[in-house]
Amino acid sequence: MRMRRSALWEWIRDLILMLALALAFRAGVAEARQIPTPSMVPTILPGDRVLVDKLFFRFDELERGDIVVFRPPGGGKLDYIKRVIALPGEEVAVRDGRVWINGQPLEEPYIAEPPAYEYGPVRVPEGKVLVLGDNRNNSQDGHIWGLLDIKAIKGRAVFRFWPLSRWGPLK
């Protein structure tokens, strides 16, 4: 009986340790996210599951094209996932179905269709970025609520692990 109780206690202790490590990993290193909306179609589809790198700011600079997870301006309970389009110091505008950065059209092979709205021009101040969904005409994003504070970014989506048929790095 004593041997059984000891084995059970070790199993419970190991389970608690594994859960604690998993929670610590999720809190500070990376976490999995399921995508609920079509705002990033065709790059990420509703139901896709992605891995979010929460440490990238410590080792890498934010770049145009990064797909980021953040809490949107004005609060809310859900995090959003969008693509970084304009960086601090740049002038951005959306007109004639294209995004323009510093007067030059941005090549965007990842969008679902050209935007049917206009935005800007706006000079992006330090500490801010413009984020837009790849499904430009079906996305609650920066063209509606403006520039995003970089501090609101929780991580960069780097890898799709579900469905297996579309498994791979996100670009």
N, C-alpha and C. Protein backbone atom coordinates (compact mmCIF):
# COMPACT_ATOMS: atom_id res chain seq x y z
N MET A 1 0.82 -1.19 0.00
CA MET A 1 0.00 0.00 0.00
C MET A 1 0.87 1.26 0.00
N ARG A 2 1.92 1.22 0.80
CA ARG A 2 2.80 2.38 0.88
C ARG A 2 3.46 2.66 -0.47
N MET A 3 3.85 1.64 -1.18
CA MET A 3 4.48 1.80 -2.48
C MET A 3 3.50 2.43 -3.47
N ARG A 4 2.25 2.02 -3.43
CA ARG A 4 1.24 2.57 -4.32
C ARG A 4 1.00 4.05 -4.07
N ARG A 5 0.89 4.42 -2.82
CA ARG A 5 0.67 5.81 -2.46
C ARG A 5 1.85 6.66 -2.91
N SER A 6 3.05 6.18 -2.75
CA SER A 6 4.24 6.90 -3.16
C SER A 6 4.27 7.11 -4.68
N ALA A 7 3.93 6.09 -5.44
CA ALA A 7 3.89 6.20 -6.90
C ALA A 7 2.82 7.19 -7.34
N LEU A 8 1.67 7.15 -6.69
CA LEU A 8 0.59 8.09 -7.01
C LEU A 8 1.03 9.51 -6.69
N TRP A 9 1.66 9.71 -5.55
CA TRP A 9 2.13 11.04 -5.18
C TRP A 9 3.16 11.56 -6.20
N GLU A 10 4.07 10.71 -6.63
CA GLU A 10 5.06 11.12 -7.63
C GLU A 10 4.38 11.51 -8.94
N TRP A 11 3.38 10.75 -9.34
CA TRP A 11 2.65 11.05 -10.57
C TRP A 11 1.95 12.40 -10.46
N ILE A 12 1.28 12.66 -9.33
CA ILE A 12 0.59 13.94 -9.11
C ILE A 12 1.60 15.08 -9.09
N ARG A 13 2.70 14.88 -8.39
CA ARG A 13 3.74 15.92 -8.33
C ARG A 13 4.28 16.23 -9.72
N ASP A 14 4.55 15.20 -10.52
CA ASP A 14 5.05 15.41 -11.88
C ASP A 14 4.03 16.13 -12.74
N LEU A 15 2.77 15.79 -12.60
CA LEU A 15 1.70 16.45 -13.36
C LEU A 15 1.62 17.93 -12.99
N ILE A 16 1.69 18.24 -11.72
CA ILE A 16 1.65 19.64 -11.27
C ILE A 16 2.86 20.40 -11.81
N LEU A 17 4.02 19.78 -11.77
CA LEU A 17 5.23 20.41 -12.30
C LEU A 17 5.09 20.69 -13.79
N MET A 18 4.58 19.71 -14.54
CA MET A 18 4.40 19.89 -15.99
C MET A 18 3.41 21.02 -16.28
N LEU A 19 2.31 21.09 -15.54
CA LEU A 19 1.34 22.16 -15.73
C LEU A 19 1.96 23.52 -15.41
N ALA A 20 2.73 23.59 -14.34
CA ALA A 20 3.38 24.86 -13.98
C ALA A 20 4.36 25.30 -15.07
N LEU A 21 5.12 24.36 -15.61
CA LEU A 21 6.06 24.70 -16.69
C LEU A 21 5.32 25.14 -17.94
N ALA A 22 4.22 24.47 -18.28
CA ALA A 22 3.44 24.85 -19.46
C ALA A 22 2.86 26.25 -19.29
N LEU A 23 2.35 26.56 -18.11
CA LEU A 23 1.79 27.90 -17.87
C LEU A 23 2.88 28.97 -17.93
N ALA A 24 4.04 28.68 -17.37
CA ALA A 24 5.15 29.64 -17.43
C ALA A 24 5.59 29.86 -18.87
N PHE A 25 5.65 28.79 -19.66
CA PHE A 25 6.03 28.89 -21.07
C PHE A 25 5.03 29.77 -21.80
N ARG A 26 3.74 29.50 -21.59
CA ARG A 26 2.69 30.27 -22.27
C ARG A 26 2.72 31.74 -21.85
N ALA A 27 2.98 31.99 -20.59
CA ALA A 27 2.96 33.36 -20.09
C ALA A 27 4.11 34.20 -20.63
N GLY A 28 5.27 33.58 -20.88
CA GLY A 28 6.41 34.40 -21.24
C GLY A 28 7.12 34.11 -22.53
N VAL A 29 6.93 32.96 -23.13
CA VAL A 29 7.73 32.58 -24.29
C VAL A 29 6.90 32.50 -25.56
N ALA A 30 5.91 31.65 -25.57
CA ALA A 30 5.09 31.45 -26.77
C ALA A 30 3.73 30.91 -26.35
N GLU A 31 2.78 31.06 -27.25
CA GLU A 31 1.47 30.48 -26.99
C GLU A 31 0.77 30.19 -28.31
N ALA A 32 -0.13 29.25 -28.24
CA ALA A 32 -0.93 28.89 -29.41
C ALA A 32 -2.20 29.73 -29.43
N ARG A 33 -2.61 30.12 -30.62
CA ARG A 33 -3.85 30.89 -30.79
C ARG A 33 -4.68 30.29 -31.91
N GLN A 34 -5.99 30.25 -31.70
CA GLN A 34 -6.90 29.85 -32.77
C GLN A 34 -7.49 31.12 -33.37
N ILE A 35 -7.57 31.19 -34.70
CA ILE A 35 -8.03 32.38 -35.39
C ILE A 35 -9.54 32.29 -35.59
N PRO A 36 -10.31 33.26 -35.05
CA PRO A 36 -11.78 33.16 -35.10
C PRO A 36 -12.44 33.86 -36.29
N THR A 37 -11.73 34.77 -36.96
CA THR A 37 -12.39 35.59 -37.98
C THR A 37 -11.65 35.51 -39.32
N PRO A 38 -12.30 35.99 -40.40
CA PRO A 38 -11.66 35.98 -41.72
C PRO A 38 -10.83 37.22 -42.03
N SER A 39 -10.46 38.02 -41.04
CA SER A 39 -9.78 39.29 -41.32
C SER A 39 -8.38 39.12 -41.92
N MET A 40 -7.78 37.94 -41.78
CA MET A 40 -6.43 37.73 -42.33
C MET A 40 -6.43 36.79 -43.55
N VAL A 41 -7.61 36.49 -44.09
CA VAL A 41 -7.71 35.67 -45.32
C VAL A 41 -7.04 36.44 -46.44
N PRO A 42 -6.26 35.86 -47.30
CA PRO A 42 -6.03 34.43 -47.50
C PRO A 42 -4.85 33.86 -46.72
N THR A 43 -4.11 34.69 -45.98
CA THR A 43 -2.92 34.21 -45.27
C THR A 43 -3.27 33.25 -44.15
N ILE A 44 -4.24 33.63 -43.32
CA ILE A 44 -4.67 32.81 -42.19
C ILE A 44 -6.19 32.70 -42.27
N LEU A 45 -6.69 31.48 -42.20
CA LEU A 45 -8.13 31.24 -42.32
C LEU A 45 -8.76 31.04 -40.95
N PRO A 46 -10.08 31.32 -40.83
CA PRO A 46 -10.76 31.03 -39.56
C PRO A 46 -10.57 29.55 -39.21
N GLY A 47 -10.24 29.31 -37.94
CA GLY A 47 -10.00 27.95 -37.48
C GLY A 47 -8.53 27.54 -37.50
N ASP A 48 -7.69 28.29 -38.24
CA ASP A 48 -6.25 27.99 -38.22
C ASP A 48 -5.73 28.19 -36.80
N ARG A 49 -4.70 27.44 -36.47
CA ARG A 49 -4.03 27.61 -35.19
C ARG A 49 -2.58 28.02 -35.47
N VAL A 50 -2.15 29.07 -34.76
CA VAL A 50 -0.82 29.62 -34.99
C VAL A 50 -0.04 29.70 -33.68
N LEU A 51 1.27 29.68 -33.81
CA LEU A 51 2.15 29.85 -32.67
C LEU A 51 2.61 31.30 -32.63
N VAL A 52 2.46 31.93 -31.47
CA VAL A 52 2.82 33.33 -31.28
C VAL A 52 4.08 33.42 -30.43
N ASP A 53 5.12 34.03 -30.99
CA ASP A 53 6.40 34.25 -30.32
C ASP A 53 6.27 35.51 -29.47
N LYS A 54 6.35 35.36 -28.16
CA LYS A 54 6.19 36.50 -27.26
C LYS A 54 7.52 37.15 -26.87
N LEU A 55 8.62 36.59 -27.33
CA LEU A 55 9.94 37.12 -26.98
C LEU A 55 10.61 37.89 -28.11
N PHE A 56 9.97 37.98 -29.29
CA PHE A 56 10.68 38.52 -30.45
C PHE A 56 11.19 39.93 -30.24
N PHE A 57 10.52 40.76 -29.43
CA PHE A 57 10.98 42.13 -29.20
C PHE A 57 12.34 42.16 -28.51
N ARG A 58 12.67 41.13 -27.78
CA ARG A 58 13.95 41.11 -27.08
C ARG A 58 15.12 40.83 -28.01
N PHE A 59 14.82 40.18 -29.15
CA PHE A 59 15.90 39.75 -30.04
C PHE A 59 15.79 40.31 -31.45
N ASP A 60 14.69 40.94 -31.78
CA ASP A 60 14.45 41.35 -33.15
C ASP A 60 13.66 42.65 -33.18
N GLU A 61 13.79 43.38 -34.27
CA GLU A 61 13.04 44.62 -34.47
C GLU A 61 11.70 44.32 -35.14
N LEU A 62 10.72 45.12 -34.87
CA LEU A 62 9.44 45.03 -35.55
C LEU A 62 9.65 45.46 -37.00
N GLU A 63 9.11 44.69 -37.94
CA GLU A 63 9.30 44.99 -39.36
C GLU A 63 7.96 45.04 -40.09
N ARG A 64 7.95 45.78 -41.19
CA ARG A 64 6.77 45.77 -42.05
C ARG A 64 6.53 44.34 -42.53
N GLY A 65 5.30 43.92 -42.48
CA GLY A 65 4.96 42.56 -42.90
C GLY A 65 4.83 41.59 -41.75
N ASP A 66 5.35 41.93 -40.57
CA ASP A 66 5.17 41.06 -39.41
C ASP A 66 3.69 40.90 -39.11
N ILE A 67 3.29 39.70 -38.76
CA ILE A 67 1.91 39.43 -38.34
C ILE A 67 1.93 39.41 -36.82
N VAL A 68 1.19 40.33 -36.20
CA VAL A 68 1.27 40.51 -34.75
C VAL A 68 -0.08 40.29 -34.08
N VAL A 69 0.00 39.89 -32.80
CA VAL A 69 -1.16 39.72 -31.94
C VAL A 69 -1.11 40.85 -30.92
N PHE A 70 -2.26 41.49 -30.69
CA PHE A 70 -2.28 42.67 -29.83
C PHE A 70 -3.68 42.89 -29.26
N ARG A 71 -3.74 43.74 -28.25
CA ARG A 71 -5.02 44.20 -27.71
C ARG A 71 -5.34 45.50 -28.44
N PRO A 72 -6.50 45.59 -29.11
CA PRO A 72 -6.80 46.77 -29.93
C PRO A 72 -7.05 48.02 -29.09
N PRO A 73 -6.86 49.20 -29.71
CA PRO A 73 -7.17 50.45 -29.01
C PRO A 73 -8.62 50.45 -28.54
N GLY A 74 -8.86 51.07 -27.41
CA GLY A 74 -10.22 51.12 -26.88
C GLY A 74 -10.57 49.92 -26.02
N GLY A 75 -9.59 49.06 -25.79
CA GLY A 75 -9.83 47.91 -24.92
C GLY A 75 -10.47 46.74 -25.63
N GLY A 76 -11.45 46.18 -24.98
CA GLY A 76 -12.04 44.96 -25.51
C GLY A 76 -11.43 43.76 -24.82
N LYS A 77 -12.11 42.63 -24.94
CA LYS A 77 -11.65 41.43 -24.25
C LYS A 77 -10.86 40.49 -25.15
N LEU A 78 -10.94 40.69 -26.46
CA LEU A 78 -10.27 39.79 -27.39
C LEU A 78 -9.03 40.42 -28.00
N ASP A 79 -8.02 39.61 -28.20
CA ASP A 79 -6.84 40.06 -28.92
C ASP A 79 -7.11 39.96 -30.42
N TYR A 80 -6.43 40.80 -31.19
CA TYR A 80 -6.55 40.80 -32.64
C TYR A 80 -5.24 40.30 -33.25
N ILE A 81 -5.33 39.88 -34.51
CA ILE A 81 -4.14 39.50 -35.27
C ILE A 81 -4.20 40.24 -36.60
N LYS A 82 -3.15 41.00 -36.92
CA LYS A 82 -3.09 41.81 -38.15
C LYS A 82 -1.64 41.89 -38.62
N ARG A 83 -1.46 42.51 -39.77
CA ARG A 83 -0.13 42.66 -40.37
C ARG A 83 0.36 44.11 -40.17
N VAL A 84 1.63 44.26 -39.78
CA VAL A 84 2.24 45.59 -39.66
C VAL A 84 2.47 46.14 -41.06
N ILE A 85 1.93 47.33 -41.32
CA ILE A 85 2.00 47.96 -42.64
C ILE A 85 2.93 49.17 -42.64
N ALA A 86 2.81 50.03 -41.64
CA ALA A 86 3.63 51.25 -41.59
C ALA A 86 4.31 51.35 -40.24
N LEU A 87 5.56 51.80 -40.27
CA LEU A 87 6.41 51.89 -39.09
C LEU A 87 6.60 53.34 -38.66
N PRO A 88 7.12 53.57 -37.44
CA PRO A 88 7.34 54.93 -36.97
C PRO A 88 8.20 55.74 -37.96
N GLY A 89 7.77 56.99 -38.17
CA GLY A 89 8.49 57.90 -39.06
C GLY A 89 8.03 57.86 -40.50
N GLU A 90 7.22 56.88 -40.86
CA GLU A 90 6.76 56.76 -42.25
C GLU A 90 5.43 57.49 -42.45
N GLU A 91 5.22 57.94 -43.68
CA GLU A 91 3.92 58.49 -44.06
C GLU A 91 3.16 57.40 -44.80
N VAL A 92 1.93 57.14 -44.37
CA VAL A 92 1.13 56.07 -44.97
C VAL A 92 -0.20 56.63 -45.45
N ALA A 93 -0.64 56.11 -46.58
CA ALA A 93 -1.95 56.46 -47.13
C ALA A 93 -2.51 55.23 -47.84
N VAL A 94 -3.83 55.15 -47.88
CA VAL A 94 -4.52 54.14 -48.69
C VAL A 94 -5.38 54.91 -49.67
N ARG A 95 -5.10 54.73 -50.96
CA ARG A 95 -5.89 55.40 -52.00
C ARG A 95 -5.76 54.62 -53.31
N ASP A 96 -6.75 54.76 -54.14
CA ASP A 96 -6.74 54.10 -55.45
C ASP A 96 -6.52 52.59 -55.33
N GLY A 97 -7.04 51.98 -54.25
CA GLY A 97 -6.93 50.54 -54.08
C GLY A 97 -5.55 50.03 -53.70
N ARG A 98 -4.68 50.94 -53.20
CA ARG A 98 -3.31 50.56 -52.83
C ARG A 98 -2.89 51.24 -51.54
N VAL A 99 -1.92 50.64 -50.88
CA VAL A 99 -1.26 51.27 -49.73
C VAL A 99 -0.02 51.97 -50.25
N TRP A 100 0.19 53.19 -49.78
CA TRP A 100 1.35 54.00 -50.18
C TRP A 100 2.17 54.30 -48.93
N ILE A 101 3.48 54.03 -49.01
CA ILE A 101 4.40 54.33 -47.92
C ILE A 101 5.41 55.34 -48.45
N ASN A 102 5.44 56.52 -47.81
CA ASN A 102 6.35 57.60 -48.24
C ASN A 102 6.24 57.86 -49.74
N GLY A 103 5.01 57.86 -50.24
CA GLY A 103 4.74 58.18 -51.64
C GLY A 103 4.96 57.04 -52.63
N GLN A 104 5.37 55.87 -52.15
CA GLN A 104 5.62 54.72 -53.02
C GLN A 104 4.58 53.63 -52.78
N PRO A 105 4.07 53.00 -53.84
CA PRO A 105 3.09 51.93 -53.64
C PRO A 105 3.74 50.71 -52.98
N LEU A 106 3.02 50.12 -52.05
CA LEU A 106 3.51 48.94 -51.33
C LEU A 106 3.08 47.68 -52.08
N GLU A 107 4.02 46.81 -52.37
CA GLU A 107 3.69 45.53 -53.01
C GLU A 107 3.10 44.61 -51.94
N GLU A 108 1.90 44.10 -52.20
CA GLU A 108 1.21 43.29 -51.21
C GLU A 108 0.61 42.03 -51.85
N PRO A 109 1.43 41.03 -52.11
CA PRO A 109 0.92 39.81 -52.74
C PRO A 109 0.01 39.00 -51.82
N TYR A 110 -0.04 39.34 -50.53
CA TYR A 110 -0.78 38.57 -49.54
C TYR A 110 -2.23 39.02 -49.35
N ILE A 111 -2.67 40.12 -49.95
CA ILE A 111 -4.03 40.60 -49.67
C ILE A 111 -5.08 39.84 -50.47
N ALA A 112 -6.30 39.79 -49.90
CA ALA A 112 -7.42 39.11 -50.55
C ALA A 112 -7.89 39.89 -51.77
N GLU A 113 -8.01 41.21 -51.60
CA GLU A 113 -8.44 42.09 -52.69
C GLU A 113 -8.03 43.52 -52.33
N PRO A 114 -7.94 44.40 -53.31
CA PRO A 114 -7.54 45.78 -53.02
C PRO A 114 -8.53 46.46 -52.07
N PRO A 115 -8.04 47.34 -51.21
CA PRO A 115 -8.95 48.04 -50.30
C PRO A 115 -9.91 48.96 -51.05
N ALA A 116 -11.16 48.96 -50.61
CA ALA A 116 -12.19 49.79 -51.22
C ALA A 116 -12.44 51.04 -50.37
N TYR A 117 -11.45 51.47 -49.61
CA TYR A 117 -11.56 52.64 -48.76
C TYR A 117 -10.32 53.50 -48.93
N GLU A 118 -10.39 54.70 -48.36
CA GLU A 118 -9.23 55.59 -48.35
C GLU A 118 -8.85 55.88 -46.90
N TYR A 119 -7.57 56.13 -46.69
CA TYR A 119 -7.05 56.41 -45.35
C TYR A 119 -5.84 57.32 -45.51
N GLY A 120 -5.75 58.33 -44.61
CA GLY A 120 -4.57 59.18 -44.60
C GLY A 120 -4.55 60.21 -45.70
N PRO A 121 -3.38 60.79 -45.93
CA PRO A 121 -2.08 60.37 -45.41
C PRO A 121 -1.88 60.73 -43.94
N VAL A 122 -1.11 59.87 -43.26
CA VAL A 122 -0.81 60.04 -41.85
C VAL A 122 0.68 59.76 -41.65
N ARG A 123 1.34 60.61 -40.88
CA ARG A 123 2.73 60.35 -40.49
C ARG A 123 2.67 59.54 -39.20
N VAL A 124 3.32 58.37 -39.17
CA VAL A 124 3.28 57.48 -38.00
C VAL A 124 4.29 57.99 -36.97
N PRO A 125 3.83 58.35 -35.77
CA PRO A 125 4.76 58.85 -34.76
C PRO A 125 5.55 57.71 -34.10
N GLU A 126 6.60 58.08 -33.39
CA GLU A 126 7.38 57.09 -32.63
C GLU A 126 6.45 56.34 -31.68
N GLY A 127 6.70 55.06 -31.53
CA GLY A 127 5.92 54.24 -30.61
C GLY A 127 4.62 53.73 -31.17
N LYS A 128 4.35 54.01 -32.45
CA LYS A 128 3.10 53.58 -33.08
C LYS A 128 3.39 52.85 -34.38
N VAL A 129 2.41 52.06 -34.85
CA VAL A 129 2.45 51.42 -36.16
C VAL A 129 1.03 51.40 -36.72
N LEU A 130 0.93 51.19 -38.03
CA LEU A 130 -0.38 50.94 -38.64
C LEU A 130 -0.45 49.46 -38.94
N VAL A 131 -1.53 48.82 -38.47
CA VAL A 131 -1.76 47.40 -38.75
C VAL A 131 -3.06 47.26 -39.53
N LEU A 132 -3.04 46.38 -40.53
CA LEU A 132 -4.22 46.11 -41.35
C LEU A 132 -4.37 44.60 -41.52
N GLY A 133 -5.62 44.15 -41.68
CA GLY A 133 -5.86 42.75 -42.00
C GLY A 133 -5.60 42.51 -43.47
N ASP A 134 -5.21 41.29 -43.82
CA ASP A 134 -4.97 40.96 -45.23
C ASP A 134 -6.27 40.95 -46.03
N ASN A 135 -7.38 40.72 -45.37
CA ASN A 135 -8.70 40.77 -46.00
C ASN A 135 -9.20 42.21 -45.82
N ARG A 136 -8.59 43.13 -46.56
CA ARG A 136 -8.73 44.57 -46.34
C ARG A 136 -10.16 45.06 -46.21
N ASN A 137 -11.09 44.49 -46.94
CA ASN A 137 -12.46 44.98 -46.92
C ASN A 137 -13.35 44.25 -45.92
N ASN A 138 -12.75 43.39 -45.10
CA ASN A 138 -13.50 42.66 -44.08
C ASN A 138 -12.64 42.53 -42.83
N SER A 139 -12.15 43.67 -42.34
CA SER A 139 -11.25 43.65 -41.19
C SER A 139 -11.45 44.90 -40.33
N GLN A 140 -11.63 44.67 -39.03
CA GLN A 140 -11.63 45.76 -38.06
C GLN A 140 -10.16 46.02 -37.74
N ASP A 141 -9.61 47.09 -38.28
CA ASP A 141 -8.17 47.31 -38.14
C ASP A 141 -7.84 48.79 -38.10
N GLY A 142 -6.59 49.13 -38.35
CA GLY A 142 -6.11 50.50 -38.24
C GLY A 142 -6.80 51.49 -39.14
N HIS A 143 -7.37 51.06 -40.25
CA HIS A 143 -8.07 52.03 -41.11
C HIS A 143 -9.35 52.51 -40.44
N ILE A 144 -9.82 51.80 -39.42
CA ILE A 144 -11.02 52.19 -38.67
C ILE A 144 -10.64 52.90 -37.37
N TRP A 145 -9.74 52.31 -36.57
CA TRP A 145 -9.43 52.89 -35.27
C TRP A 145 -8.07 53.55 -35.17
N GLY A 146 -7.35 53.67 -36.26
CA GLY A 146 -6.11 54.45 -36.27
C GLY A 146 -4.87 53.65 -35.94
N LEU A 147 -3.88 54.34 -35.46
CA LEU A 147 -2.56 53.76 -35.21
C LEU A 147 -2.55 52.95 -33.92
N LEU A 148 -1.71 51.95 -33.89
CA LEU A 148 -1.59 51.05 -32.74
C LEU A 148 -0.34 51.38 -31.95
N ASP A 149 -0.48 51.45 -30.62
CA ASP A 149 0.67 51.64 -29.75
C ASP A 149 1.49 50.35 -29.77
N ILE A 150 2.77 50.45 -30.04
CA ILE A 150 3.64 49.27 -30.11
C ILE A 150 3.60 48.49 -28.80
N LYS A 151 3.41 49.17 -27.68
CA LYS A 151 3.36 48.50 -26.38
C LYS A 151 2.17 47.55 -26.26
N ALA A 152 1.15 47.72 -27.11
CA ALA A 152 -0.02 46.84 -27.07
C ALA A 152 0.23 45.49 -27.76
N ILE A 153 1.35 45.38 -28.47
CA ILE A 153 1.67 44.14 -29.18
C ILE A 153 2.14 43.09 -28.19
N LYS A 154 1.50 41.92 -28.24
CA LYS A 154 1.82 40.82 -27.33
C LYS A 154 2.79 39.82 -27.93
N GLY A 155 2.85 39.76 -29.25
CA GLY A 155 3.75 38.81 -29.88
C GLY A 155 3.59 38.79 -31.39
N ARG A 156 4.46 38.02 -32.03
CA ARG A 156 4.44 37.89 -33.48
C ARG A 156 4.02 36.46 -33.83
N ALA A 157 3.01 36.33 -34.69
CA ALA A 157 2.59 35.01 -35.17
C ALA A 157 3.63 34.52 -36.16
N VAL A 158 4.23 33.38 -35.87
CA VAL A 158 5.36 32.92 -36.68
C VAL A 158 5.12 31.60 -37.41
N PHE A 159 4.15 30.81 -36.95
CA PHE A 159 4.02 29.47 -37.51
C PHE A 159 2.58 28.98 -37.42
N ARG A 160 2.08 28.41 -38.50
CA ARG A 160 0.76 27.77 -38.48
C ARG A 160 0.99 26.28 -38.26
N PHE A 161 0.37 25.72 -37.20
CA PHE A 161 0.54 24.29 -36.94
C PHE A 161 -0.74 23.49 -37.18
N TRP A 162 -1.84 24.19 -37.48
CA TRP A 162 -3.09 23.51 -37.81
C TRP A 162 -3.87 24.37 -38.77
N PRO A 163 -4.41 23.80 -39.80
CA PRO A 163 -4.46 22.38 -40.15
C PRO A 163 -3.12 21.91 -40.71
N LEU A 164 -2.87 20.63 -40.59
CA LEU A 164 -1.61 20.06 -41.05
C LEU A 164 -1.39 20.26 -42.54
N SER A 165 -2.46 20.36 -43.30
CA SER A 165 -2.33 20.55 -44.75
C SER A 165 -1.75 21.92 -45.10
N ARG A 166 -1.78 22.88 -44.16
CA ARG A 166 -1.22 24.22 -44.41
C ARG A 166 -0.14 24.56 -43.38
N TRP A 167 0.44 23.54 -42.77
CA TRP A 167 1.46 23.67 -41.75
C TRP A 167 2.67 24.41 -42.32
N GLY A 168 3.23 25.34 -41.54
CA GLY A 168 4.44 26.01 -41.98
C GLY A 168 4.57 27.43 -41.45
N PRO A 169 5.70 28.09 -41.75
CA PRO A 169 5.93 29.46 -41.27
C PRO A 169 4.96 30.44 -41.92
N LEU A 170 4.64 31.50 -41.18
CA LEU A 170 3.76 32.55 -41.69
C LEU A 170 4.60 33.66 -42.28
N LYS A 171 4.14 34.19 -43.41
CA LYS A 171 4.85 35.29 -44.07
C LYS A 171 3.88 36.37 -44.46
